[in-house]
Amino acid sequence: MTNRLPELWQDSPVAFWLVVACLCYFAWMAARLAVIDIRSHLLPNRIVLPSYWAAVPLAAAAAIGTAGAVFDLAAVLRVLGGGAVLWLVYFVLRVVYPAGMGFGDVKLAGVLGLYLGFLSWGHLFWGTAAAFLLGGLSGIAIIVSRRGNAKSEMPFGPFMLAGAALTLLLPA
């Protein structure tokens, strides 16, 4: 997303500032949620749920941020669809194996889907894959270092946030 900012500045300063505001909120939200999840294994609704509303300007930026387009409905649907698709994927994972994922992760997935969907469906995929890769590598490190075993609980929110943050830095 950060690679797209100069393009947005040229095409639409309004879209640029909407995206910058959303990125600032994302950084604050990610830092807060990561610390809380590591400490308590919880992703509090008081931070996650308002994050949906804070990501709404991404849909507006997507609508007005395309060069030459008055209103880009496909981009808006991609942002909203990204949130819905990622929420649904995590919801299915939660239903299939409830002990492996909390509902806070499901709610956070919808927010991250909005951000990743702003860029592309590919970014949505890679952000999700990065979260599971980072979480898996961390789990292996915990087992190898004998600080835990395969049954040890581990907060997944920080890996979701890190995967999304890394993906937001990729070129659009």
C-alpha atoms as a PDB file:
ATOM      1  CA  MET A   1       0.000   0.000   0.000  1.00  0.00           C
ATOM      2  CA  THR A   2       2.833   2.356   0.834  1.00  0.00           C
ATOM      3  CA  ASN A   3       4.157   1.955  -2.714  1.00  0.00           C
ATOM      4  CA  ARG A   4       0.821   3.153  -4.024  1.00  0.00           C
ATOM      5  CA  LEU A   5       0.830   6.401  -2.031  1.00  0.00           C
ATOM      6  CA  PRO A   6       2.807   8.517  -4.564  1.00  0.00           C
ATOM      7  CA  GLU A   7       0.404   7.389  -7.296  1.00  0.00           C
ATOM      8  CA  LEU A   8      -2.562   8.289  -5.105  1.00  0.00           C
ATOM      9  CA  TRP A   9      -1.074  11.710  -4.358  1.00  0.00           C
ATOM     10  CA  GLN A  10      -0.909  12.462  -8.084  1.00  0.00           C
ATOM     11  CA  ASP A  11      -4.314  11.004  -8.914  1.00  0.00           C
ATOM     12  CA  SER A  12      -6.289  12.228  -5.920  1.00  0.00           C
ATOM     13  CA  PRO A  13      -4.925  14.011  -2.855  1.00  0.00           C
ATOM     14  CA  VAL A  14      -8.207  13.249  -1.039  1.00  0.00           C
ATOM     15  CA  ALA A  15      -7.727   9.505  -1.556  1.00  0.00           C
ATOM     16  CA  PHE A  16      -4.092   9.887  -0.481  1.00  0.00           C
ATOM     17  CA  TRP A  17      -5.035  11.447   2.859  1.00  0.00           C
ATOM     18  CA  LEU A  18      -7.791   8.887   3.455  1.00  0.00           C
ATOM     19  CA  VAL A  19      -5.296   6.062   2.983  1.00  0.00           C
ATOM     20  CA  VAL A  20      -2.667   7.779   5.166  1.00  0.00           C
ATOM     21  CA  ALA A  21      -5.238   8.180   7.945  1.00  0.00           C
ATOM     22  CA  CYS A  22      -6.184   4.502   7.658  1.00  0.00           C
ATOM     23  CA  LEU A  23      -2.526   3.437   7.735  1.00  0.00           C
ATOM     24  CA  CYS A  24      -1.913   5.511  10.869  1.00  0.00           C
ATOM     25  CA  TYR A  25      -4.915   3.902  12.523  1.00  0.00           C
ATOM     26  CA  PHE A  26      -3.727   0.465  11.386  1.00  0.00           C
ATOM     27  CA  ALA A  27      -0.316   1.019  13.000  1.00  0.00           C
ATOM     28  CA  TRP A  28      -1.917   2.093  16.285  1.00  0.00           C
ATOM     29  CA  MET A  29      -4.443  -0.752  16.227  1.00  0.00           C
ATOM     30  CA  ALA A  30      -1.852  -3.389  15.330  1.00  0.00           C
ATOM     31  CA  ALA A  31       0.525  -2.329  18.096  1.00  0.00           C
ATOM     32  CA  ARG A  32      -2.237  -2.284  20.722  1.00  0.00           C
ATOM     33  CA  LEU A  33      -3.795  -5.577  19.689  1.00  0.00           C
ATOM     34  CA  ALA A  34      -0.475  -7.405  19.398  1.00  0.00           C
ATOM     35  CA  VAL A  35       0.559  -6.432  22.924  1.00  0.00           C
ATOM     36  CA  ILE A  36      -2.847  -7.264  24.405  1.00  0.00           C
ATOM     37  CA  ASP A  37      -3.076 -10.611  22.578  1.00  0.00           C
ATOM     38  CA  ILE A  38       0.429 -11.645  23.641  1.00  0.00           C
ATOM     39  CA  ARG A  39      -0.330 -10.791  27.280  1.00  0.00           C
ATOM     40  CA  SER A  40      -3.881 -12.080  27.608  1.00  0.00           C
ATOM     41  CA  HIS A  41      -4.703 -14.162  24.504  1.00  0.00           C
ATOM     42  CA  LEU A  42      -7.602 -11.800  23.811  1.00  0.00           C
ATOM     43  CA  LEU A  43      -8.441  -9.369  21.023  1.00  0.00           C
ATOM     44  CA  PRO A  44     -10.839  -6.934  22.721  1.00  0.00           C
ATOM     45  CA  ASN A  45     -13.983  -5.821  20.932  1.00  0.00           C
ATOM     46  CA  ARG A  46     -13.407  -2.244  22.101  1.00  0.00           C
ATOM     47  CA  ILE A  47     -10.488  -2.059  19.637  1.00  0.00           C
ATOM     48  CA  VAL A  48     -11.421  -4.581  16.926  1.00  0.00           C
ATOM     49  CA  LEU A  49     -15.020  -3.524  16.242  1.00  0.00           C
ATOM     50  CA  PRO A  50     -14.335   0.229  15.807  1.00  0.00           C
ATOM     51  CA  SER A  51     -11.558  -0.781  13.420  1.00  0.00           C
ATOM     52  CA  TYR A  52     -14.202  -1.786  10.881  1.00  0.00           C
ATOM     53  CA  TRP A  53     -15.478   1.793  10.843  1.00  0.00           C
ATOM     54  CA  ALA A  54     -11.966   3.182  10.759  1.00  0.00           C
ATOM     55  CA  ALA A  55     -11.288   1.175   7.596  1.00  0.00           C
ATOM     56  CA  VAL A  56     -14.362   2.529   5.771  1.00  0.00           C
ATOM     57  CA  PRO A  57     -12.343   5.428   4.298  1.00  0.00           C
ATOM     58  CA  LEU A  58     -10.392   2.791   2.364  1.00  0.00           C
ATOM     59  CA  ALA A  59     -13.547   2.044   0.394  1.00  0.00           C
ATOM     60  CA  ALA A  60     -13.960   5.756  -0.329  1.00  0.00           C
ATOM     61  CA  ALA A  61     -10.302   6.039  -1.333  1.00  0.00           C
ATOM     62  CA  ALA A  62     -10.688   3.017  -3.596  1.00  0.00           C
ATOM     63  CA  ALA A  63     -13.697   4.624  -5.242  1.00  0.00           C
ATOM     64  CA  ILE A  64     -12.002   7.937  -5.975  1.00  0.00           C
ATOM     65  CA  GLY A  65      -8.343   6.923  -6.132  1.00  0.00           C
ATOM     66  CA  THR A  66      -8.246   5.445  -9.614  1.00  0.00           C
ATOM     67  CA  ALA A  67      -6.861   7.675 -12.341  1.00  0.00           C
ATOM     68  CA  GLY A  68      -9.551   8.851 -14.710  1.00  0.00           C
ATOM     69  CA  ALA A  69     -12.391   7.070 -12.918  1.00  0.00           C
ATOM     70  CA  VAL A  70     -15.208   9.048 -11.384  1.00  0.00           C
ATOM     71  CA  PHE A  71     -16.378   6.112  -9.274  1.00  0.00           C
ATOM     72  CA  ASP A  72     -14.714   2.697  -9.300  1.00  0.00           C
ATOM     73  CA  LEU A  73     -17.359   0.276  -8.057  1.00  0.00           C
ATOM     74  CA  ALA A  74     -15.098  -2.734  -8.637  1.00  0.00           C
ATOM     75  CA  ALA A  75     -12.492  -1.306  -6.252  1.00  0.00           C
ATOM     76  CA  VAL A  76     -15.108  -0.624  -3.574  1.00  0.00           C
ATOM     77  CA  LEU A  77     -16.471  -4.156  -3.925  1.00  0.00           C
ATOM     78  CA  ARG A  78     -12.919  -5.539  -3.676  1.00  0.00           C
ATOM     79  CA  VAL A  79     -12.361  -3.698  -0.369  1.00  0.00           C
ATOM     80  CA  LEU A  80     -15.691  -4.825   1.097  1.00  0.00           C
ATOM     81  CA  GLY A  81     -15.386  -8.279  -0.437  1.00  0.00           C
ATOM     82  CA  GLY A  82     -11.886  -8.683   0.985  1.00  0.00           C
ATOM     83  CA  GLY A  83     -13.244  -8.065   4.462  1.00  0.00           C
ATOM     84  CA  ALA A  84     -16.140 -10.455   3.967  1.00  0.00           C
ATOM     85  CA  VAL A  85     -14.057 -13.219   2.385  1.00  0.00           C
ATOM     86  CA  LEU A  86     -11.335 -13.161   5.034  1.00  0.00           C
ATOM     87  CA  TRP A  87     -13.926 -13.049   7.835  1.00  0.00           C
ATOM     88  CA  LEU A  88     -15.661 -16.080   6.306  1.00  0.00           C
ATOM     89  CA  VAL A  89     -12.414 -18.049   5.886  1.00  0.00           C
ATOM     90  CA  TYR A  90     -11.480 -17.518   9.528  1.00  0.00           C
ATOM     91  CA  PHE A  91     -15.053 -18.237  10.634  1.00  0.00           C
ATOM     92  CA  VAL A  92     -14.938 -21.605   8.864  1.00  0.00           C
ATOM     93  CA  LEU A  93     -11.586 -22.359  10.530  1.00  0.00           C
ATOM     94  CA  ARG A  94     -13.143 -21.473  13.886  1.00  0.00           C
ATOM     95  CA  VAL A  95     -16.141 -23.761  13.268  1.00  0.00           C
ATOM     96  CA  VAL A  96     -13.987 -26.653  12.062  1.00  0.00           C
ATOM     97  CA  TYR A  97     -11.522 -26.470  14.979  1.00  0.00           C
ATOM     98  CA  PRO A  98     -12.793 -24.179  17.768  1.00  0.00           C
ATOM     99  CA  ALA A  99      -9.834 -24.868  20.073  1.00  0.00           C
ATOM    100  CA  GLY A 100      -7.410 -23.634  17.407  1.00  0.00           C
ATOM    101  CA  MET A 101      -8.815 -20.170  16.816  1.00  0.00           C
ATOM    102  CA  GLY A 102     -10.688 -17.648  18.893  1.00  0.00           C
ATOM    103  CA  PHE A 103     -13.577 -15.541  17.678  1.00  0.00           C
ATOM    104  CA  GLY A 104     -11.437 -12.432  18.186  1.00  0.00           C
ATOM    105  CA  ASP A 105      -9.220 -13.720  15.378  1.00  0.00           C
ATOM    106  CA  VAL A 106     -12.298 -14.074  13.166  1.00  0.00           C
ATOM    107  CA  LYS A 107     -13.361 -10.481  13.847  1.00  0.00           C
ATOM    108  CA  LEU A 108      -9.831  -9.191  13.266  1.00  0.00           C
ATOM    109  CA  ALA A 109      -9.662 -11.094   9.972  1.00  0.00           C
ATOM    110  CA  GLY A 110     -12.535  -9.010   8.587  1.00  0.00           C
ATOM    111  CA  VAL A 111     -10.688  -5.787   9.374  1.00  0.00           C
ATOM    112  CA  LEU A 112      -7.462  -7.045   7.824  1.00  0.00           C
ATOM    113  CA  GLY A 113      -9.403  -8.176   4.771  1.00  0.00           C
ATOM    114  CA  LEU A 114     -10.600  -4.605   4.231  1.00  0.00           C
ATOM    115  CA  TYR A 115      -7.017  -3.319   4.261  1.00  0.00           C
ATOM    116  CA  LEU A 116      -5.606  -6.087   2.070  1.00  0.00           C
ATOM    117  CA  GLY A 117      -8.583  -5.961  -0.283  1.00  0.00           C
ATOM    118  CA  PHE A 118      -7.819  -2.303  -0.922  1.00  0.00           C
ATOM    119  CA  LEU A 119      -4.747  -3.391  -2.861  1.00  0.00           C
ATOM    120  CA  SER A 120      -5.763  -6.633  -4.584  1.00  0.00           C
ATOM    121  CA  TRP A 121      -7.051 -10.158  -4.160  1.00  0.00           C
ATOM    122  CA  GLY A 122      -3.427 -11.306  -4.408  1.00  0.00           C
ATOM    123  CA  HIS A 123      -2.501  -9.173  -1.417  1.00  0.00           C
ATOM    124  CA  LEU A 124      -5.390 -10.706   0.498  1.00  0.00           C
ATOM    125  CA  PHE A 125      -4.039 -14.177  -0.244  1.00  0.00           C
ATOM    126  CA  TRP A 126      -0.415 -13.345   0.583  1.00  0.00           C
ATOM    127  CA  GLY A 127      -1.336 -11.526   3.785  1.00  0.00           C
ATOM    128  CA  THR A 128      -3.265 -14.568   4.965  1.00  0.00           C
ATOM    129  CA  ALA A 129      -0.520 -16.964   3.898  1.00  0.00           C
ATOM    130  CA  ALA A 130       2.115 -14.841   5.664  1.00  0.00           C
ATOM    131  CA  ALA A 131       0.126 -14.975   8.913  1.00  0.00           C
ATOM    132  CA  PHE A 132      -0.016 -18.764   8.865  1.00  0.00           C
ATOM    133  CA  LEU A 133       3.622 -19.058   7.803  1.00  0.00           C
ATOM    134  CA  LEU A 134       4.797 -16.755  10.612  1.00  0.00           C
ATOM    135  CA  GLY A 135       2.590 -18.518  13.148  1.00  0.00           C
ATOM    136  CA  GLY A 136       3.797 -21.932  12.020  1.00  0.00           C
ATOM    137  CA  LEU A 137       7.456 -20.953  12.149  1.00  0.00           C
ATOM    138  CA  SER A 138       6.960 -19.527  15.617  1.00  0.00           C
ATOM    139  CA  GLY A 139       5.260 -22.730  16.747  1.00  0.00           C
ATOM    140  CA  ILE A 140       8.135 -24.798  15.408  1.00  0.00           C
ATOM    141  CA  ALA A 141      10.637 -22.539  17.189  1.00  0.00           C
ATOM    142  CA  ILE A 142       8.729 -22.948  20.468  1.00  0.00           C
ATOM    143  CA  ILE A 143       8.727 -26.743  20.108  1.00  0.00           C
ATOM    144  CA  VAL A 144      12.403 -26.961  19.086  1.00  0.00           C
ATOM    145  CA  SER A 145      13.469 -24.688  21.942  1.00  0.00           C
ATOM    146  CA  ARG A 146      11.405 -26.880  24.321  1.00  0.00           C
ATOM    147  CA  ARG A 147       9.483 -23.857  25.615  1.00  0.00           C
ATOM    148  CA  GLY A 148       6.257 -25.623  24.693  1.00  0.00           C
ATOM    149  CA  ASN A 149       4.764 -28.488  22.741  1.00  0.00           C
ATOM    150  CA  ALA A 150       2.257 -29.022  19.950  1.00  0.00           C
ATOM    151  CA  LYS A 151      -0.608 -28.481  22.413  1.00  0.00           C
ATOM    152  CA  SER A 152       0.705 -25.144  23.736  1.00  0.00           C
ATOM    153  CA  GLU A 153      -1.606 -22.172  23.254  1.00  0.00           C
ATOM    154  CA  MET A 154      -0.231 -19.337  21.198  1.00  0.00           C
ATOM    155  CA  PRO A 155      -1.928 -16.038  20.320  1.00  0.00           C
ATOM    156  CA  PHE A 156      -2.491 -15.822  16.564  1.00  0.00           C
ATOM    157  CA  GLY A 157      -3.476 -12.135  16.338  1.00  0.00           C
ATOM    158  CA  PRO A 158       0.111 -10.835  16.273  1.00  0.00           C
ATOM    159  CA  PHE A 159       0.912 -13.122  13.334  1.00  0.00           C
ATOM    160  CA  MET A 160      -2.204 -11.991  11.488  1.00  0.00           C
ATOM    161  CA  LEU A 161      -1.233  -8.358  12.043  1.00  0.00           C
ATOM    162  CA  ALA A 162       2.406  -8.937  11.058  1.00  0.00           C
ATOM    163  CA  GLY A 163       1.408 -10.829   7.910  1.00  0.00           C
ATOM    164  CA  ALA A 164      -0.960  -8.051   6.892  1.00  0.00           C
ATOM    165  CA  ALA A 165       1.591  -5.328   7.687  1.00  0.00           C
ATOM    166  CA  LEU A 166       4.288  -7.053   5.635  1.00  0.00           C
ATOM    167  CA  THR A 167       1.883  -7.507   2.744  1.00  0.00           C
ATOM    168  CA  LEU A 168       0.809  -3.855   2.856  1.00  0.00           C
ATOM    169  CA  LEU A 169       4.436  -2.994   2.098  1.00  0.00           C
ATOM    170  CA  LEU A 170       4.429  -5.074  -1.110  1.00  0.00           C
ATOM    171  CA  PRO A 171       3.958  -3.310  -4.450  1.00  0.00           C
ATOM    172  CA  ALA A 172       0.377  -3.148  -5.676  1.00  0.00           C
END
